[in-house]
N, C-alpha and C. Protein backbone atom coordinates (compact mmCIF):
# COMPACT_ATOMS: atom_id res chain seq x y z
N MET A 1 -9.21 2.92 -16.40
CA MET A 1 -8.05 3.69 -16.90
C MET A 1 -6.61 2.65 -16.55
N SER A 2 -6.01 2.52 -18.08
CA SER A 2 -4.89 1.52 -17.97
C SER A 2 -3.60 2.76 -18.26
N SER A 3 -2.45 2.08 -18.13
CA SER A 3 -1.02 3.49 -17.37
C SER A 3 -0.39 2.66 -18.30
N ARG A 4 0.16 3.42 -18.49
CA ARG A 4 1.40 3.41 -20.00
C ARG A 4 2.32 3.43 -19.02
N ILE A 5 3.34 2.43 -20.00
CA ILE A 5 4.13 2.44 -19.51
C ILE A 5 5.58 2.58 -20.35
N GLY A 6 6.25 3.33 -20.09
CA GLY A 6 7.48 3.98 -21.22
C GLY A 6 8.45 2.48 -21.59
N ILE A 7 9.74 2.18 -21.90
CA ILE A 7 10.43 1.50 -22.30
C ILE A 7 11.27 2.32 -22.60
N VAL A 8 12.93 2.57 -21.99
CA VAL A 8 14.12 3.60 -22.39
C VAL A 8 15.01 2.57 -22.43
N LEU A 9 15.67 3.13 -23.74
CA LEU A 9 16.48 1.79 -24.31
C LEU A 9 18.06 3.13 -23.52
N VAL A 10 18.84 2.69 -23.01
CA VAL A 10 19.91 3.69 -22.47
C VAL A 10 21.37 3.21 -22.37
N THR A 11 21.59 3.69 -23.87
CA THR A 11 23.47 3.28 -24.45
C THR A 11 24.06 4.13 -23.85
N PRO A 12 25.30 3.98 -24.49
CA PRO A 12 26.44 5.48 -24.26
C PRO A 12 26.16 6.76 -25.02
N ALA A 13 25.42 6.47 -26.13
CA ALA A 13 25.35 7.78 -26.76
C ALA A 13 23.53 8.10 -26.11
N MET A 14 22.71 8.12 -24.91
CA MET A 14 22.22 8.75 -24.56
C MET A 14 22.58 8.97 -23.61
N LEU A 15 23.64 8.24 -22.56
CA LEU A 15 24.36 9.16 -21.60
C LEU A 15 25.02 10.24 -21.83
N GLU A 16 25.99 10.22 -22.71
CA GLU A 16 26.48 11.14 -23.19
C GLU A 16 25.54 12.29 -23.26
N LYS A 17 24.21 12.32 -23.88
CA LYS A 17 23.58 13.10 -24.74
C LYS A 17 22.60 14.15 -23.42
N LEU A 18 21.87 13.16 -22.56
CA LEU A 18 21.55 13.18 -20.78
C LEU A 18 22.66 14.39 -20.05
N SER A 19 24.14 13.90 -20.09
CA SER A 19 24.67 14.56 -19.26
C SER A 19 25.60 15.77 -19.56
N THR A 20 25.10 16.03 -21.08
CA THR A 20 25.50 17.49 -21.80
C THR A 20 24.14 18.38 -22.70
N ASP A 21 23.36 17.91 -22.85
CA ASP A 21 22.30 18.42 -23.27
C ASP A 21 20.33 18.78 -22.42
N ARG A 22 20.77 19.50 -22.05
CA ARG A 22 18.99 19.65 -21.06
C ARG A 22 18.23 19.74 -21.75
N SER A 23 18.07 18.94 -22.71
CA SER A 23 16.68 19.84 -24.69
C SER A 23 15.70 18.26 -23.79
N ILE A 24 14.17 19.18 -24.93
CA ILE A 24 13.37 18.51 -24.64
C ILE A 24 13.21 17.03 -24.33
N ALA A 25 14.04 16.23 -25.07
CA ALA A 25 13.89 14.41 -24.59
C ALA A 25 14.36 14.17 -23.02
N SER A 26 15.31 15.27 -22.76
CA SER A 26 15.77 15.20 -21.11
C SER A 26 14.01 15.88 -20.48
N ASN A 27 13.65 16.89 -21.33
CA ASN A 27 12.23 17.16 -19.91
C ASN A 27 11.39 16.32 -19.94
N GLU A 28 11.10 15.36 -21.22
CA GLU A 28 10.17 14.27 -21.91
C GLU A 28 10.49 13.29 -20.77
N LEU A 29 12.31 12.62 -20.67
CA LEU A 29 12.56 11.64 -19.92
C LEU A 29 11.75 12.16 -18.22
N SER A 30 12.07 13.36 -18.04
CA SER A 30 11.49 13.58 -16.16
C SER A 30 10.10 13.36 -16.38
N ALA A 31 9.18 13.82 -16.95
CA ALA A 31 7.94 13.96 -17.09
C ALA A 31 7.34 12.34 -16.81
N LEU A 32 8.54 11.50 -17.42
CA LEU A 32 7.57 10.10 -17.52
C LEU A 32 8.37 9.72 -16.41
N LEU A 33 9.49 10.25 -15.56
CA LEU A 33 9.74 9.86 -14.32
C LEU A 33 9.27 9.55 -13.01
N ARG A 34 8.63 11.51 -12.68
CA ARG A 34 7.77 11.49 -12.28
C ARG A 34 6.35 10.93 -11.77
N ARG A 35 5.99 9.64 -13.23
CA ARG A 35 4.52 8.89 -13.36
C ARG A 35 4.51 8.22 -13.07
N ASN A 36 6.07 7.50 -12.71
CA ASN A 36 6.91 5.98 -12.52
C ASN A 36 6.05 5.06 -13.13
N LEU A 37 6.11 5.57 -14.55
CA LEU A 37 6.18 4.96 -15.83
C LEU A 37 7.27 4.39 -16.96
N LEU A 38 8.41 4.58 -16.10
CA LEU A 38 9.98 4.20 -17.29
C LEU A 38 9.98 2.23 -16.68
N VAL A 39 10.67 1.99 -17.62
CA VAL A 39 11.71 0.67 -17.19
C VAL A 39 12.90 1.27 -18.48
N PRO A 40 13.91 1.00 -17.99
CA PRO A 40 14.99 1.55 -18.38
C PRO A 40 15.44 -0.08 -18.82
N VAL A 41 16.32 0.12 -20.24
CA VAL A 41 16.65 -1.02 -20.79
C VAL A 41 18.53 -0.89 -20.77
N MET A 42 19.31 -1.21 -19.87
CA MET A 42 20.85 -0.94 -20.20
C MET A 42 21.31 -2.12 -21.54
N HIS A 43 21.81 -1.11 -22.30
CA HIS A 43 22.53 -1.59 -23.35
C HIS A 43 24.15 -0.90 -23.62
N GLY A 44 24.91 -1.99 -23.23
CA GLY A 44 26.41 -0.84 -23.75
C GLY A 44 26.93 -1.03 -21.71
N VAL A 45 26.18 -0.30 -21.40
CA VAL A 45 26.35 0.95 -20.05
C VAL A 45 25.52 -0.13 -18.82
N THR A 46 26.02 0.66 -17.27
CA THR A 46 25.56 -0.17 -16.35
C THR A 46 25.05 0.71 -15.47
N PHE A 47 23.96 -0.26 -14.03
CA PHE A 47 22.95 0.96 -13.62
C PHE A 47 24.47 2.38 -12.74
N GLU A 48 25.53 1.40 -12.48
CA GLU A 48 25.95 2.49 -11.87
C GLU A 48 26.54 4.12 -12.56
N GLN A 49 26.45 3.37 -14.21
CA GLN A 49 27.04 5.04 -15.51
C GLN A 49 25.76 5.75 -15.39
N LEU A 50 24.13 5.62 -15.08
CA LEU A 50 23.03 6.12 -15.37
C LEU A 50 22.79 6.95 -14.22
N HIS A 51 23.81 6.06 -13.11
CA HIS A 51 23.33 6.83 -11.95
C HIS A 51 23.69 7.83 -12.05
N GLN A 52 25.49 7.58 -11.65
CA GLN A 52 26.26 9.54 -12.89
C GLN A 52 25.46 10.74 -13.32
N VAL A 53 24.57 10.11 -14.14
CA VAL A 53 24.16 10.97 -15.00
C VAL A 53 22.12 11.14 -14.86
N SER A 54 21.68 10.36 -14.20
CA SER A 54 20.15 9.97 -13.93
C SER A 54 19.88 9.18 -12.73
N PRO A 55 20.21 9.53 -11.51
CA PRO A 55 20.23 8.76 -10.80
C PRO A 55 18.56 7.99 -10.30
N THR A 56 17.66 8.90 -10.24
CA THR A 56 16.14 8.38 -10.59
C THR A 56 15.63 7.86 -11.17
N LEU A 57 16.14 7.85 -12.34
CA LEU A 57 15.99 6.45 -13.81
C LEU A 57 17.12 5.17 -13.59
N ALA A 58 17.97 5.39 -12.76
CA ALA A 58 18.84 4.58 -12.05
C ALA A 58 18.47 3.78 -10.99
N SER A 59 17.38 4.18 -10.35
CA SER A 59 16.82 3.70 -9.03
C SER A 59 15.75 2.56 -9.73
N ARG A 60 14.90 3.25 -10.78
CA ARG A 60 14.21 1.99 -11.16
C ARG A 60 14.39 0.55 -11.65
N SER A 61 13.25 0.15 -11.31
CA SER A 61 14.24 -1.87 -12.06
C SER A 61 13.60 -1.82 -13.42
N GLY A 62 14.31 -3.02 -13.34
CA GLY A 62 14.94 -2.53 -15.50
C GLY A 62 15.58 -3.80 -15.37
N PHE A 63 16.25 -3.67 -16.28
CA PHE A 63 16.71 -5.08 -17.34
C PHE A 63 17.93 -4.89 -17.91
N SER A 64 19.23 -5.06 -18.38
CA SER A 64 20.22 -5.06 -18.61
C SER A 64 20.59 -6.19 -19.41
N THR A 65 21.40 -6.02 -21.06
CA THR A 65 20.97 -7.15 -21.86
C THR A 65 23.26 -7.73 -21.46
N VAL A 66 23.41 -7.25 -20.59
CA VAL A 66 24.83 -7.84 -20.04
C VAL A 66 23.96 -9.25 -18.95
N GLU A 67 22.88 -8.55 -18.54
CA GLU A 67 22.80 -9.97 -17.17
C GLU A 67 22.18 -11.40 -18.25
N GLU A 68 21.37 -10.68 -19.37
CA GLU A 68 20.14 -12.33 -19.75
C GLU A 68 20.45 -11.16 -21.19
N PRO A 69 19.96 -12.46 -22.64
CA PRO A 69 19.72 -11.73 -23.69
C PRO A 69 18.40 -11.03 -23.96
N MET A 70 18.68 -10.33 -24.99
CA MET A 70 17.86 -9.73 -25.33
C MET A 70 16.35 -10.13 -25.86
N GLU A 71 16.09 -11.42 -25.97
CA GLU A 71 15.25 -11.90 -26.11
C GLU A 71 14.16 -12.30 -24.98
N ASP A 72 15.22 -12.43 -24.08
CA ASP A 72 14.26 -13.29 -22.50
C ASP A 72 14.17 -11.54 -22.23
N ILE A 73 14.45 -10.42 -22.53
CA ILE A 73 13.93 -9.03 -21.95
C ILE A 73 12.43 -9.04 -22.83
N VAL A 74 12.73 -8.96 -24.28
CA VAL A 74 11.92 -8.93 -24.90
C VAL A 74 10.62 -9.59 -24.27
N VAL A 75 10.57 -11.07 -23.85
CA VAL A 75 9.66 -11.15 -23.43
C VAL A 75 9.45 -10.97 -22.12
N LYS A 76 10.13 -10.66 -21.07
CA LYS A 76 9.42 -10.33 -19.84
C LYS A 76 8.59 -8.33 -20.03
N ILE A 77 9.49 -7.39 -20.89
CA ILE A 77 9.20 -6.39 -21.12
C ILE A 77 7.41 -6.61 -21.83
N ALA A 78 6.83 -7.64 -22.37
CA ALA A 78 5.48 -7.78 -23.15
C ALA A 78 5.18 -8.33 -21.82
N GLU A 79 5.41 -8.95 -21.34
CA GLU A 79 4.44 -9.72 -20.16
C GLU A 79 3.93 -8.51 -19.31
N LEU A 80 5.35 -7.41 -19.13
CA LEU A 80 4.85 -6.21 -18.02
C LEU A 80 4.05 -5.57 -19.22
N VAL A 81 3.92 -5.10 -19.83
CA VAL A 81 3.11 -4.10 -20.37
C VAL A 81 1.80 -5.18 -20.88
N GLY A 82 1.61 -6.40 -20.77
CA GLY A 82 -0.26 -7.01 -20.45
C GLY A 82 -0.13 -7.29 -21.75
N THR A 83 0.97 -7.69 -23.02
CA THR A 83 0.65 -8.29 -24.55
C THR A 83 0.12 -9.47 -24.48
N LEU A 84 1.15 -10.36 -23.99
CA LEU A 84 1.59 -11.31 -23.48
C LEU A 84 0.97 -12.36 -22.04
N ASP A 85 -0.05 -13.36 -22.35
CA ASP A 85 -0.17 -14.19 -20.99
C ASP A 85 1.48 -15.07 -20.48
N ALA A 86 1.10 -16.15 -19.73
CA ALA A 86 2.23 -16.83 -19.06
C ALA A 86 2.81 -17.39 -19.89
N GLU A 87 1.02 -18.16 -20.95
CA GLU A 87 1.24 -19.64 -22.11
C GLU A 87 2.34 -18.89 -23.27
N GLU A 88 1.45 -17.94 -23.53
CA GLU A 88 2.42 -17.39 -24.88
C GLU A 88 4.03 -17.16 -24.30
N ALA A 89 4.01 -16.21 -23.04
CA ALA A 89 5.96 -15.58 -22.59
C ALA A 89 6.40 -17.46 -22.70
N ASP A 90 5.93 -18.47 -22.34
CA ASP A 90 7.11 -19.79 -21.74
C ASP A 90 6.52 -19.75 -23.60
N GLU A 91 6.31 -19.23 -24.08
CA GLU A 91 6.72 -20.03 -25.24
C GLU A 91 8.07 -19.95 -26.25
N LEU A 92 7.43 -18.30 -26.17
CA LEU A 92 8.40 -17.86 -26.81
C LEU A 92 9.85 -18.15 -26.05
N SER A 93 9.43 -18.04 -24.72
CA SER A 93 11.67 -17.79 -23.94
C SER A 93 11.52 -19.21 -24.53
N MET A 94 10.83 -20.29 -24.88
CA MET A 94 11.56 -21.97 -25.65
C MET A 94 12.17 -21.70 -26.49
N LYS A 95 11.70 -20.52 -27.46
CA LYS A 95 12.26 -20.41 -29.43
C LYS A 95 14.03 -20.06 -28.78
């Protein structure tokens, strides 16, 4: 049985939506968080800002485009979900 991993791109618009609207998207996010299957990718926001809106999501290990280029994050996500082996990841990192 394989686990599915969700990747959520956390942007200023998403933070605003989560803080003002407890919609279906918020419910789906909560369901994924309960199953430990969500990896946040911060873009244009900090983990501290996310923590104000969703402490549970902010507590997850994730990535930040402020700390590393999106290209490197993509390679790490591909490794995480098992679509790349180490050799392929090294090859992509060099490009």
